[in-house]
Amino acid sequence: MSRKNNLLSIGDVSKLTGASVRSLRYYEKIGILTPAYISPDSNYRYYSKEQMPIVEMIMLCIELDIPLSELAKVANPISSRPFLEQVRKTAEGKLDGLRRGLELMDAVERKMN
């Protein structure tokens, strides 16, 4: 991994998290993930290891269909209790729906046997 002053390049962050470089730039554009350092010479973006949970939270919000505009309203999503409660409630709702779907599949399978 290329590192500059113990920072991760945008490519490294992409590899570590699965978020595309294009997505990481978009997150910066909408104000939910600001690079820890932008090289004035190359305009390359670098992120700290401490920012990785934020990238993971962004990806979780996407997976849960929580609009990134909601995330943009929160200064620090990792330490915002109301936001985390919203994410948890959404995740629990999705899990309940998945469990009901599995129960339905089990019932159909039992009828087939």
PDB file of N, CA and C in Angstrom:
ATOM      1  N   MET A   1       0.838  -1.182   0.000  1.00  0.00           N
ATOM      2  CA  MET A   1       0.000   0.000   0.000  1.00  0.00           C
ATOM      3  C   MET A   1       0.881   1.242   0.000  1.00  0.00           C
ATOM      4  N   SER A   2       0.501   2.197  -0.813  1.00  0.00           N
ATOM      5  CA  SER A   2       1.246   3.450  -0.786  1.00  0.00           C
ATOM      6  C   SER A   2       0.753   4.287   0.384  1.00  0.00           C
ATOM      7  N   ARG A   3       1.677   4.861   1.115  1.00  0.00           N
ATOM      8  CA  ARG A   3       1.311   5.684   2.274  1.00  0.00           C
ATOM      9  C   ARG A   3       2.089   6.978   2.221  1.00  0.00           C
ATOM     10  N   LYS A   4       1.447   8.031   2.620  1.00  0.00           N
ATOM     11  CA  LYS A   4       2.104   9.323   2.712  1.00  0.00           C
ATOM     12  C   LYS A   4       1.824   9.821   4.122  1.00  0.00           C
ATOM     13  N   ASN A   5       2.881   9.901   4.927  1.00  0.00           N
ATOM     14  CA  ASN A   5       2.738  10.338   6.315  1.00  0.00           C
ATOM     15  C   ASN A   5       1.678   9.511   7.060  1.00  0.00           C
ATOM     16  N   ASN A   6       1.727   8.183   6.924  1.00  0.00           N
ATOM     17  CA  ASN A   6       0.788   7.268   7.582  1.00  0.00           C
ATOM     18  C   ASN A   6      -0.655   7.443   7.121  1.00  0.00           C
ATOM     19  N   LEU A   7      -0.842   7.990   5.948  1.00  0.00           N
ATOM     20  CA  LEU A   7      -2.176   8.141   5.380  1.00  0.00           C
ATOM     21  C   LEU A   7      -2.370   7.132   4.259  1.00  0.00           C
ATOM     22  N   LEU A   8      -3.599   6.853   3.943  1.00  0.00           N
ATOM     23  CA  LEU A   8      -3.937   5.918   2.883  1.00  0.00           C
ATOM     24  C   LEU A   8      -4.362   6.686   1.646  1.00  0.00           C
ATOM     25  N   SER A   9      -3.863   6.261   0.502  1.00  0.00           N
ATOM     26  CA  SER A   9      -4.281   6.903  -0.743  1.00  0.00           C
ATOM     27  C   SER A   9      -5.741   6.549  -1.028  1.00  0.00           C
ATOM     28  N   ILE A  10      -6.363   7.279  -1.907  1.00  0.00           N
ATOM     29  CA  ILE A  10      -7.740   7.007  -2.263  1.00  0.00           C
ATOM     30  C   ILE A  10      -7.870   5.598  -2.855  1.00  0.00           C
ATOM     31  N   GLY A  11      -6.851   5.162  -3.586  1.00  0.00           N
ATOM     32  CA  GLY A  11      -6.847   3.805  -4.136  1.00  0.00           C
ATOM     33  C   GLY A  11      -6.777   2.751  -3.044  1.00  0.00           C
ATOM     34  N   ASP A  12      -5.963   3.014  -2.024  1.00  0.00           N
ATOM     35  CA  ASP A  12      -5.870   2.092  -0.892  1.00  0.00           C
ATOM     36  C   ASP A  12      -7.199   1.996  -0.152  1.00  0.00           C
ATOM     37  N   VAL A  13      -7.838   3.133   0.068  1.00  0.00           N
ATOM     38  CA  VAL A  13      -9.137   3.144   0.745  1.00  0.00           C
ATOM     39  C   VAL A  13     -10.145   2.346  -0.076  1.00  0.00           C
ATOM     40  N   SER A  14     -10.111   2.514  -1.372  1.00  0.00           N
ATOM     41  CA  SER A  14     -11.006   1.779  -2.254  1.00  0.00           C
ATOM     42  C   SER A  14     -10.791   0.274  -2.105  1.00  0.00           C
ATOM     43  N   LYS A  15      -9.533  -0.150  -2.113  1.00  0.00           N
ATOM     44  CA  LYS A  15      -9.214  -1.575  -1.982  1.00  0.00           C
ATOM     45  C   LYS A  15      -9.633  -2.120  -0.618  1.00  0.00           C
ATOM     46  N   LEU A  16      -9.409  -1.349   0.427  1.00  0.00           N
ATOM     47  CA  LEU A  16      -9.712  -1.807   1.791  1.00  0.00           C
ATOM     48  C   LEU A  16     -11.206  -1.888   2.065  1.00  0.00           C
ATOM     49  N   THR A  17     -11.966  -0.972   1.498  1.00  0.00           N
ATOM     50  CA  THR A  17     -13.384  -0.882   1.841  1.00  0.00           C
ATOM     51  C   THR A  17     -14.328  -1.408   0.765  1.00  0.00           C
ATOM     52  N   GLY A  18     -13.858  -1.475  -0.462  1.00  0.00           N
ATOM     53  CA  GLY A  18     -14.735  -1.867  -1.562  1.00  0.00           C
ATOM     54  C   GLY A  18     -15.481  -0.699  -2.177  1.00  0.00           C
ATOM     55  N   ALA A  19     -15.312   0.486  -1.626  1.00  0.00           N
ATOM     56  CA  ALA A  19     -15.918   1.695  -2.210  1.00  0.00           C
ATOM     57  C   ALA A  19     -15.069   2.120  -3.403  1.00  0.00           C
ATOM     58  N   SER A  20     -15.702   2.417  -4.512  1.00  0.00           N
ATOM     59  CA  SER A  20     -14.929   2.820  -5.689  1.00  0.00           C
ATOM     60  C   SER A  20     -14.307   4.198  -5.478  1.00  0.00           C
ATOM     61  N   VAL A  21     -13.230   4.458  -6.215  1.00  0.00           N
ATOM     62  CA  VAL A  21     -12.579   5.762  -6.162  1.00  0.00           C
ATOM     63  C   VAL A  21     -13.591   6.840  -6.545  1.00  0.00           C
ATOM     64  N   ARG A  22     -14.389   6.566  -7.541  1.00  0.00           N
ATOM     65  CA  ARG A  22     -15.416   7.524  -7.976  1.00  0.00           C
ATOM     66  C   ARG A  22     -16.399   7.823  -6.838  1.00  0.00           C
ATOM     67  N   SER A  23     -16.805   6.778  -6.116  1.00  0.00           N
ATOM     68  CA  SER A  23     -17.711   6.970  -4.983  1.00  0.00           C
ATOM     69  C   SER A  23     -17.061   7.805  -3.892  1.00  0.00           C
ATOM     70  N   LEU A  24     -15.806   7.517  -3.584  1.00  0.00           N
ATOM     71  CA  LEU A  24     -15.099   8.282  -2.549  1.00  0.00           C
ATOM     72  C   LEU A  24     -15.033   9.759  -2.919  1.00  0.00           C
ATOM     73  N   ARG A  25     -14.804  10.047  -4.188  1.00  0.00           N
ATOM     74  CA  ARG A  25     -14.794  11.451  -4.626  1.00  0.00           C
ATOM     75  C   ARG A  25     -16.184  12.070  -4.508  1.00  0.00           C
ATOM     76  N   TYR A  26     -17.205  11.265  -4.794  1.00  0.00           N
ATOM     77  CA  TYR A  26     -18.584  11.757  -4.659  1.00  0.00           C
ATOM     78  C   TYR A  26     -18.897  12.052  -3.197  1.00  0.00           C
ATOM     79  N   TYR A  27     -18.468  11.177  -2.288  1.00  0.00           N
ATOM     80  CA  TYR A  27     -18.717  11.409  -0.861  1.00  0.00           C
ATOM     81  C   TYR A  27     -18.063  12.718  -0.414  1.00  0.00           C
ATOM     82  N   GLU A  28     -16.897  13.006  -0.956  1.00  0.00           N
ATOM     83  CA  GLU A  28     -16.243  14.277  -0.655  1.00  0.00           C
ATOM     84  C   GLU A  28     -17.077  15.437  -1.200  1.00  0.00           C
ATOM     85  N   LYS A  29     -17.533  15.285  -2.423  1.00  0.00           N
ATOM     86  CA  LYS A  29     -18.295  16.353  -3.082  1.00  0.00           C
ATOM     87  C   LYS A  29     -19.551  16.729  -2.302  1.00  0.00           C
ATOM     88  N   ILE A  30     -20.239  15.713  -1.731  1.00  0.00           N
ATOM     89  CA  ILE A  30     -21.479  16.009  -0.999  1.00  0.00           C
ATOM     90  C   ILE A  30     -21.227  16.285   0.480  1.00  0.00           C
ATOM     91  N   GLY A  31     -19.944  16.260   0.879  1.00  0.00           N
ATOM     92  CA  GLY A  31     -19.581  16.699   2.223  1.00  0.00           C
ATOM     93  C   GLY A  31     -19.671  15.662   3.316  1.00  0.00           C
ATOM     94  N   ILE A  32     -19.658  14.366   2.973  1.00  0.00           N
ATOM     95  CA  ILE A  32     -19.748  13.357   4.028  1.00  0.00           C
ATOM     96  C   ILE A  32     -18.425  12.654   4.311  1.00  0.00           C
ATOM     97  N   LEU A  33     -17.408  12.894   3.476  1.00  0.00           N
ATOM     98  CA  LEU A  33     -16.088  12.303   3.711  1.00  0.00           C
ATOM     99  C   LEU A  33     -15.023  13.228   3.126  1.00  0.00           C
ATOM    100  N   THR A  34     -14.399  13.983   3.994  1.00  0.00           N
ATOM    101  CA  THR A  34     -13.353  14.899   3.562  1.00  0.00           C
ATOM    102  C   THR A  34     -11.999  14.236   3.743  1.00  0.00           C
ATOM    103  N   PRO A  35     -11.170  14.209   2.713  1.00  0.00           N
ATOM    104  CA  PRO A  35      -9.840  13.621   2.866  1.00  0.00           C
ATOM    105  C   PRO A  35      -9.079  14.297   3.996  1.00  0.00           C
ATOM    106  N   ALA A  36      -8.247  13.513   4.668  1.00  0.00           N
ATOM    107  CA  ALA A  36      -7.418  14.066   5.738  1.00  0.00           C
ATOM    108  C   ALA A  36      -6.362  15.009   5.160  1.00  0.00           C
ATOM    109  N   TYR A  37      -5.971  14.738   3.905  1.00  0.00           N
ATOM    110  CA  TYR A  37      -4.934  15.555   3.269  1.00  0.00           C
ATOM    111  C   TYR A  37      -5.121  15.482   1.758  1.00  0.00           C
ATOM    112  N   ILE A  38      -4.987  16.619   1.108  1.00  0.00           N
ATOM    113  CA  ILE A  38      -4.975  16.682  -0.356  1.00  0.00           C
ATOM    114  C   ILE A  38      -3.651  17.314  -0.748  1.00  0.00           C
ATOM    115  N   SER A  39      -2.887  16.584  -1.535  1.00  0.00           N
ATOM    116  CA  SER A  39      -1.579  17.082  -1.949  1.00  0.00           C
ATOM    117  C   SER A  39      -1.749  18.315  -2.832  1.00  0.00           C
ATOM    118  N   PRO A  40      -1.116  19.424  -2.476  1.00  0.00           N
ATOM    119  CA  PRO A  40      -1.237  20.624  -3.305  1.00  0.00           C
ATOM    120  C   PRO A  40      -0.558  20.467  -4.666  1.00  0.00           C
ATOM    121  N   ASP A  41       0.432  19.580  -4.740  1.00  0.00           N
ATOM    122  CA  ASP A  41       1.154  19.371  -5.996  1.00  0.00           C
ATOM    123  C   ASP A  41       0.381  18.490  -6.970  1.00  0.00           C
ATOM    124  N   SER A  42      -0.135  17.371  -6.459  1.00  0.00           N
ATOM    125  CA  SER A  42      -0.756  16.384  -7.344  1.00  0.00           C
ATOM    126  C   SER A  42      -2.281  16.358  -7.245  1.00  0.00           C
ATOM    127  N   ASN A  43      -2.832  16.984  -6.211  1.00  0.00           N
ATOM    128  CA  ASN A  43      -4.268  16.946  -5.934  1.00  0.00           C
ATOM    129  C   ASN A  43      -4.729  15.541  -5.520  1.00  0.00           C
ATOM    130  N   TYR A  44      -3.772  14.647  -5.181  1.00  0.00           N
ATOM    131  CA  TYR A  44      -4.102  13.311  -4.703  1.00  0.00           C
ATOM    132  C   TYR A  44      -4.739  13.434  -3.325  1.00  0.00           C
ATOM    133  N   ARG A  45      -5.689  12.546  -3.074  1.00  0.00           N
ATOM    134  CA  ARG A  45      -6.397  12.549  -1.808  1.00  0.00           C
ATOM    135  C   ARG A  45      -5.864  11.433  -0.913  1.00  0.00           C
ATOM    136  N   TYR A  46      -5.736  11.750   0.364  1.00  0.00           N
ATOM    137  CA  TYR A  46      -5.260  10.786   1.352  1.00  0.00           C
ATOM    138  C   TYR A  46      -6.212  10.801   2.543  1.00  0.00           C
ATOM    139  N   TYR A  47      -6.389   9.619   3.129  1.00  0.00           N
ATOM    140  CA  TYR A  47      -7.327   9.449   4.233  1.00  0.00           C
ATOM    141  C   TYR A  47      -6.605   8.803   5.404  1.00  0.00           C
ATOM    142  N   SER A  48      -7.079   9.098   6.602  1.00  0.00           N
ATOM    143  CA  SER A  48      -6.502   8.480   7.794  1.00  0.00           C
ATOM    144  C   SER A  48      -7.221   7.155   8.058  1.00  0.00           C
ATOM    145  N   LYS A  49      -6.547   6.299   8.800  1.00  0.00           N
ATOM    146  CA  LYS A  49      -7.159   5.026   9.184  1.00  0.00           C
ATOM    147  C   LYS A  49      -8.418   5.261  10.014  1.00  0.00           C
ATOM    148  N   GLU A  50      -8.428   6.348  10.763  1.00  0.00           N
ATOM    149  CA  GLU A  50      -9.577   6.664  11.609  1.00  0.00           C
ATOM    150  C   GLU A  50     -10.832   6.969  10.783  1.00  0.00           C
ATOM    151  N   GLN A  51     -10.658   7.265   9.503  1.00  0.00           N
ATOM    152  CA  GLN A  51     -11.798   7.566   8.641  1.00  0.00           C
ATOM    153  C   GLN A  51     -12.458   6.312   8.063  1.00  0.00           C
ATOM    154  N   MET A  52     -11.819   5.159   8.215  1.00  0.00           N
ATOM    155  CA  MET A  52     -12.370   3.940   7.625  1.00  0.00           C
ATOM    156  C   MET A  52     -13.753   3.579   8.180  1.00  0.00           C
ATOM    157  N   PRO A  53     -14.013   3.756   9.500  1.00  0.00           N
ATOM    158  CA  PRO A  53     -15.377   3.476   9.973  1.00  0.00           C
ATOM    159  C   PRO A  53     -16.429   4.388   9.322  1.00  0.00           C
ATOM    160  N   ILE A  54     -16.035   5.601   8.965  1.00  0.00           N
ATOM    161  CA  ILE A  54     -16.979   6.497   8.289  1.00  0.00           C
ATOM    162  C   ILE A  54     -17.308   5.955   6.906  1.00  0.00           C
ATOM    163  N   VAL A  55     -16.292   5.470   6.193  1.00  0.00           N
ATOM    164  CA  VAL A  55     -16.533   4.870   4.870  1.00  0.00           C
ATOM    165  C   VAL A  55     -17.456   3.662   5.020  1.00  0.00           C
ATOM    166  N   GLU A  56     -17.201   2.844   6.031  1.00  0.00           N
ATOM    167  CA  GLU A  56     -18.039   1.669   6.266  1.00  0.00           C
ATOM    168  C   GLU A  56     -19.468   2.068   6.617  1.00  0.00           C
ATOM    169  N   MET A  57     -19.630   3.145   7.388  1.00  0.00           N
ATOM    170  CA  MET A  57     -20.972   3.628   7.725  1.00  0.00           C
ATOM    171  C   MET A  57     -21.689   4.123   6.474  1.00  0.00           C
ATOM    172  N   ILE A  58     -20.973   4.811   5.608  1.00  0.00           N
ATOM    173  CA  ILE A  58     -21.553   5.286   4.349  1.00  0.00           C
ATOM    174  C   ILE A  58     -22.043   4.093   3.539  1.00  0.00           C
ATOM    175  N   MET A  59     -21.222   3.064   3.450  1.00  0.00           N
ATOM    176  CA  MET A  59     -21.587   1.886   2.667  1.00  0.00           C
ATOM    177  C   MET A  59     -22.775   1.154   3.295  1.00  0.00           C
ATOM    178  N   LEU A  60     -22.844   1.127   4.619  1.00  0.00           N
ATOM    179  CA  LEU A  60     -23.990   0.515   5.303  1.00  0.00           C
ATOM    180  C   LEU A  60     -25.258   1.295   4.997  1.00  0.00           C
ATOM    181  N   CYS A  61     -25.164   2.622   5.046  1.00  0.00           N
ATOM    182  CA  CYS A  61     -26.331   3.449   4.723  1.00  0.00           C
ATOM    183  C   CYS A  61     -26.823   3.172   3.303  1.00  0.00           C
ATOM    184  N   ILE A  62     -25.898   3.027   2.384  1.00  0.00           N
ATOM    185  CA  ILE A  62     -26.276   2.719   0.999  1.00  0.00           C
ATOM    186  C   ILE A  62     -26.978   1.370   0.948  1.00  0.00           C
ATOM    187  N   GLU A  63     -26.419   0.379   1.631  1.00  0.00           N
ATOM    188  CA  GLU A  63     -27.010  -0.964   1.648  1.00  0.00           C
ATOM    189  C   GLU A  63     -28.405  -0.955   2.261  1.00  0.00           C
ATOM    190  N   LEU A  64     -28.618  -0.087   3.239  1.00  0.00           N
ATOM    191  CA  LEU A  64     -29.921   0.002   3.915  1.00  0.00           C
ATOM    192  C   LEU A  64     -30.872   0.986   3.240  1.00  0.00           C
ATOM    193  N   ASP A  65     -30.455   1.537   2.104  1.00  0.00           N
ATOM    194  CA  ASP A  65     -31.262   2.515   1.373  1.00  0.00           C
ATOM    195  C   ASP A  65     -31.535   3.780   2.174  1.00  0.00           C
ATOM    196  N   ILE A  66     -30.611   4.138   3.050  1.00  0.00           N
ATOM    197  CA  ILE A  66     -30.705   5.409   3.778  1.00  0.00           C
ATOM    198  C   ILE A  66     -30.067   6.457   2.877  1.00  0.00           C
ATOM    199  N   PRO A  67     -30.805   7.493   2.525  1.00  0.00           N
ATOM    200  CA  PRO A  67     -30.245   8.506   1.615  1.00  0.00           C
ATOM    201  C   PRO A  67     -28.982   9.152   2.186  1.00  0.00           C
ATOM    202  N   LEU A  68     -28.002   9.322   1.337  1.00  0.00           N
ATOM    203  CA  LEU A  68     -26.760   9.953   1.787  1.00  0.00           C
ATOM    204  C   LEU A  68     -27.006  11.386   2.223  1.00  0.00           C
ATOM    205  N   SER A  69     -28.089  11.979   1.762  1.00  0.00           N
ATOM    206  CA  SER A  69     -28.425  13.333   2.224  1.00  0.00           C
ATOM    207  C   SER A  69     -28.701  13.331   3.729  1.00  0.00           C
ATOM    208  N   GLU A  70     -29.218  12.207   4.261  1.00  0.00           N
ATOM    209  CA  GLU A  70     -29.429  12.093   5.710  1.00  0.00           C
ATOM    210  C   GLU A  70     -28.088  12.043   6.432  1.00  0.00           C
ATOM    211  N   LEU A  71     -27.149  11.333   5.844  1.00  0.00           N
ATOM    212  CA  LEU A  71     -25.809  11.234   6.416  1.00  0.00           C
ATOM    213  C   LEU A  71     -25.118  12.592   6.378  1.00  0.00           C
ATOM    214  N   ALA A  72     -25.345  13.342   5.315  1.00  0.00           N
ATOM    215  CA  ALA A  72     -24.715  14.654   5.156  1.00  0.00           C
ATOM    216  C   ALA A  72     -25.187  15.644   6.227  1.00  0.00           C
ATOM    217  N   LYS A  73     -26.341  15.391   6.822  1.00  0.00           N
ATOM    218  CA  LYS A  73     -26.870  16.284   7.863  1.00  0.00           C
ATOM    219  C   LYS A  73     -26.157  16.091   9.196  1.00  0.00           C
ATOM    220  N   VAL A  74     -25.405  14.987   9.330  1.00  0.00           N
ATOM    221  CA  VAL A  74     -24.763  14.635  10.594  1.00  0.00           C
ATOM    222  C   VAL A  74     -23.273  14.969  10.498  1.00  0.00           C
ATOM    223  N   ALA A  75     -22.796  15.773  11.442  1.00  0.00           N
ATOM    224  CA  ALA A  75     -21.388  16.181  11.405  1.00  0.00           C
ATOM    225  C   ALA A  75     -20.455  14.982  11.512  1.00  0.00           C
ATOM    226  N   ASN A  76     -20.712  14.096  12.459  1.00  0.00           N
ATOM    227  CA  ASN A  76     -19.901  12.894  12.623  1.00  0.00           C
ATOM    228  C   ASN A  76     -20.828  11.710  12.850  1.00  0.00           C
ATOM    229  N   PRO A  77     -21.105  10.932  11.800  1.00  0.00           N
ATOM    230  CA  PRO A  77     -22.079   9.852  11.925  1.00  0.00           C
ATOM    231  C   PRO A  77     -21.683   8.772  12.922  1.00  0.00           C
ATOM    232  N   ILE A  78     -20.396   8.639  13.184  1.00  0.00           N
ATOM    233  CA  ILE A  78     -19.936   7.604  14.107  1.00  0.00           C
ATOM    234  C   ILE A  78     -20.269   7.963  15.556  1.00  0.00           C
ATOM    235  N   SER A  79     -20.386   9.246  15.868  1.00  0.00           N
ATOM    236  CA  SER A  79     -20.653   9.642  17.254  1.00  0.00           C
ATOM    237  C   SER A  79     -22.029  10.280  17.432  1.00  0.00           C
ATOM    238  N   SER A  80     -22.878  10.200  16.444  1.00  0.00           N
ATOM    239  CA  SER A  80     -24.219  10.773  16.555  1.00  0.00           C
ATOM    240  C   SER A  80     -25.211   9.691  16.967  1.00  0.00           C
ATOM    241  N   ARG A  81     -25.591   9.692  18.233  1.00  0.00           N
ATOM    242  CA  ARG A  81     -26.502   8.672  18.752  1.00  0.00           C
ATOM    243  C   ARG A  81     -27.826   8.641  17.985  1.00  0.00           C
ATOM    244  N   PRO A  82     -28.478   9.775  17.717  1.00  0.00           N
ATOM    245  CA  PRO A  82     -29.747   9.708  16.981  1.00  0.00           C
ATOM    246  C   PRO A  82     -29.588   9.087  15.589  1.00  0.00           C
ATOM    247  N   PHE A  83     -28.494   9.424  14.916  1.00  0.00           N
ATOM    248  CA  PHE A  83     -28.290   8.859  13.586  1.00  0.00           C
ATOM    249  C   PHE A  83     -28.038   7.359  13.674  1.00  0.00           C
ATOM    250  N   LEU A  84     -27.197   6.941  14.623  1.00  0.00           N
ATOM    251  CA  LEU A  84     -26.930   5.517  14.787  1.00  0.00           C
ATOM    252  C   LEU A  84     -28.200   4.753  15.139  1.00  0.00           C
ATOM    253  N   GLU A  85     -29.061   5.378  15.945  1.00  0.00           N
ATOM    254  CA  GLU A  85     -30.343   4.740  16.282  1.00  0.00           C
ATOM    255  C   GLU A  85     -31.214   4.597  15.035  1.00  0.00           C
ATOM    256  N   GLN A  86     -31.198   5.589  14.167  1.00  0.00           N
ATOM    257  CA  GLN A  86     -31.949   5.514  12.921  1.00  0.00           C
ATOM    258  C   GLN A  86     -31.422   4.377  12.043  1.00  0.00           C
ATOM    259  N   VAL A  87     -30.110   4.264  11.940  1.00  0.00           N
ATOM    260  CA  VAL A  87     -29.507   3.203  11.135  1.00  0.00           C
ATOM    261  C   VAL A  87     -29.866   1.841  11.728  1.00  0.00           C
ATOM    262  N   ARG A  88     -29.772   1.714  13.048  1.00  0.00           N
ATOM    263  CA  ARG A  88     -30.111   0.453  13.711  1.00  0.00           C
ATOM    264  C   ARG A  88     -31.574   0.079  13.461  1.00  0.00           C
ATOM    265  N   LYS A  89     -32.461   1.039  13.600  1.00  0.00           N
ATOM    266  CA  LYS A  89     -33.894   0.780  13.386  1.00  0.00           C
ATOM    267  C   LYS A  89     -34.146   0.333  11.940  1.00  0.00           C
ATOM    268  N   THR A  90     -33.494   0.991  11.002  1.00  0.00           N
ATOM    269  CA  THR A  90     -33.641   0.611   9.593  1.00  0.00           C
ATOM    270  C   THR A  90     -33.102  -0.790   9.357  1.00  0.00           C
ATOM    271  N   ALA A  91     -31.940  -1.094   9.924  1.00  0.00           N
ATOM    272  CA  ALA A  91     -31.335  -2.423   9.757  1.00  0.00           C
ATOM    273  C   ALA A  91     -32.221  -3.502  10.375  1.00  0.00           C
ATOM    274  N   GLU A  92     -32.764  -3.220  11.562  1.00  0.00           N
ATOM    275  CA  GLU A  92     -33.643  -4.197  12.210  1.00  0.00           C
ATOM    276  C   GLU A  92     -34.903  -4.438  11.385  1.00  0.00           C
ATOM    277  N   GLY A  93     -35.442  -3.387  10.779  1.00  0.00           N
ATOM    278  CA  GLY A  93     -36.610  -3.538   9.912  1.00  0.00           C
ATOM    279  C   GLY A  93     -36.297  -4.401   8.704  1.00  0.00           C
ATOM    280  N   LYS A  94     -35.142  -4.183   8.102  1.00  0.00           N
ATOM    281  CA  LYS A  94     -34.738  -5.005   6.955  1.00  0.00           C
ATOM    282  C   LYS A  94     -34.542  -6.456   7.375  1.00  0.00           C
ATOM    283  N   LEU A  95     -33.935  -6.670   8.544  1.00  0.00           N
ATOM    284  CA  LEU A  95     -33.742  -8.030   9.038  1.00  0.00           C
ATOM    285  C   LEU A  95     -35.074  -8.730   9.275  1.00  0.00           C
ATOM    286  N   ASP A  96     -36.017  -8.007   9.865  1.00  0.00           N
ATOM    287  CA  ASP A  96     -37.343  -8.591  10.089  1.00  0.00           C
ATOM    288  C   ASP A  96     -37.980  -9.013   8.771  1.00  0.00           C
ATOM    289  N   GLY A  97     -37.870  -8.172   7.765  1.00  0.00           N
ATOM    290  CA  GLY A  97     -38.413  -8.504   6.447  1.00  0.00           C
ATOM    291  C   GLY A  97     -37.744  -9.730   5.850  1.00  0.00           C
ATOM    292  N   LEU A  98     -36.431  -9.824   6.008  1.00  0.00           N
ATOM    293  CA  LEU A  98     -35.695 -10.989   5.505  1.00  0.00           C
ATOM    294  C   LEU A  98     -36.098 -12.260   6.258  1.00  0.00           C
ATOM    295  N   ARG A  99     -36.287 -12.135   7.580  1.00  0.00           N
ATOM    296  CA  ARG A  99     -36.713 -13.305   8.367  1.00  0.00           C
ATOM    297  C   ARG A  99     -38.093 -13.787   7.921  1.00  0.00           C
ATOM    298  N   ARG A 100     -38.999 -12.835   7.694  1.00  0.00           N
ATOM    299  CA  ARG A 100     -40.343 -13.212   7.221  1.00  0.00           C
ATOM    300  C   ARG A 100     -40.253 -13.897   5.863  1.00  0.00           C
ATOM    301  N   GLY A 101     -39.386 -13.398   5.008  1.00  0.00           N
ATOM    302  CA  GLY A 101     -39.195 -14.023   3.701  1.00  0.00           C
ATOM    303  C   GLY A 101     -38.663 -15.443   3.824  1.00  0.00           C
ATOM    304  N   LEU A 102     -37.719 -15.654   4.728  1.00  0.00           N
ATOM    305  CA  LEU A 102     -37.185 -17.001   4.953  1.00  0.00           C
ATOM    306  C   LEU A 102     -38.252 -17.932   5.516  1.00  0.00           C
ATOM    307  N   GLU A 103     -39.059 -17.416   6.433  1.00  0.00           N
ATOM    308  CA  GLU A 103     -40.142 -18.231   6.988  1.00  0.00           C
ATOM    309  C   GLU A 103     -41.130 -18.627   5.899  1.00  0.00           C
ATOM    310  N   LEU A 104     -41.435 -17.709   5.005  1.00  0.00           N
ATOM    311  CA  LEU A 104     -42.329 -18.006   3.890  1.00  0.00           C
ATOM    312  C   LEU A 104     -41.725 -19.080   2.986  1.00  0.00           C
ATOM    313  N   MET A 105     -40.440 -18.947   2.701  1.00  0.00           N
ATOM    314  CA  MET A 105     -39.766 -19.950   1.872  1.00  0.00           C
ATOM    315  C   MET A 105     -39.799 -21.319   2.536  1.00  0.00           C
ATOM    316  N   ASP A 106     -39.576 -21.350   3.853  1.00  0.00           N
ATOM    317  CA  ASP A 106     -39.639 -22.615   4.591  1.00  0.00           C
ATOM    318  C   ASP A 106     -41.030 -23.228   4.501  1.00  0.00           C
ATOM    319  N   ALA A 107     -42.063 -22.395   4.652  1.00  0.00           N
ATOM    320  CA  ALA A 107     -43.435 -22.884   4.589  1.00  0.00           C
ATOM    321  C   ALA A 107     -43.740 -23.453   3.209  1.00  0.00           C
ATOM    322  N   VAL A 108     -43.302 -22.776   2.158  1.00  0.00           N
ATOM    323  CA  VAL A 108     -43.532 -23.261   0.800  1.00  0.00           C
ATOM    324  C   VAL A 108     -42.789 -24.576   0.588  1.00  0.00           C
ATOM    325  N   GLU A 109     -41.566 -24.630   1.083  1.00  0.00           N
ATOM    326  CA  GLU A 109     -40.769 -25.856   0.924  1.00  0.00           C
ATOM    327  C   GLU A 109     -41.423 -27.032   1.658  1.00  0.00           C
ATOM    328  N   ARG A 110     -41.960 -26.781   2.847  1.00  0.00           N
ATOM    329  CA  ARG A 110     -42.642 -27.841   3.600  1.00  0.00           C
ATOM    330  C   ARG A 110     -43.852 -28.350   2.830  1.00  0.00           C
ATOM    331  N   LYS A 111     -44.582 -27.452   2.199  1.00  0.00           N
ATOM    332  CA  LYS A 111     -45.757 -27.859   1.417  1.00  0.00           C
ATOM    333  C   LYS A 111     -45.355 -28.672   0.197  1.00  0.00           C
ATOM    334  N   MET A 112     -44.183 -28.371  -0.343  1.00  0.00           N
ATOM    335  CA  MET A 112     -43.709 -29.103  -1.511  1.00  0.00           C
ATOM    336  C   MET A 112     -43.320 -30.529  -1.142  1.00  0.00           C
ATOM    337  N   ASN A 113     -42.871 -30.742   0.091  1.00  0.00           N
ATOM    338  CA  ASN A 113     -42.425 -32.076   0.532  1.00  0.00           C
ATOM    339  C   ASN A 113     -43.592 -32.854   0.971  1.00  0.00           C
TER     340      ASN A 113
END
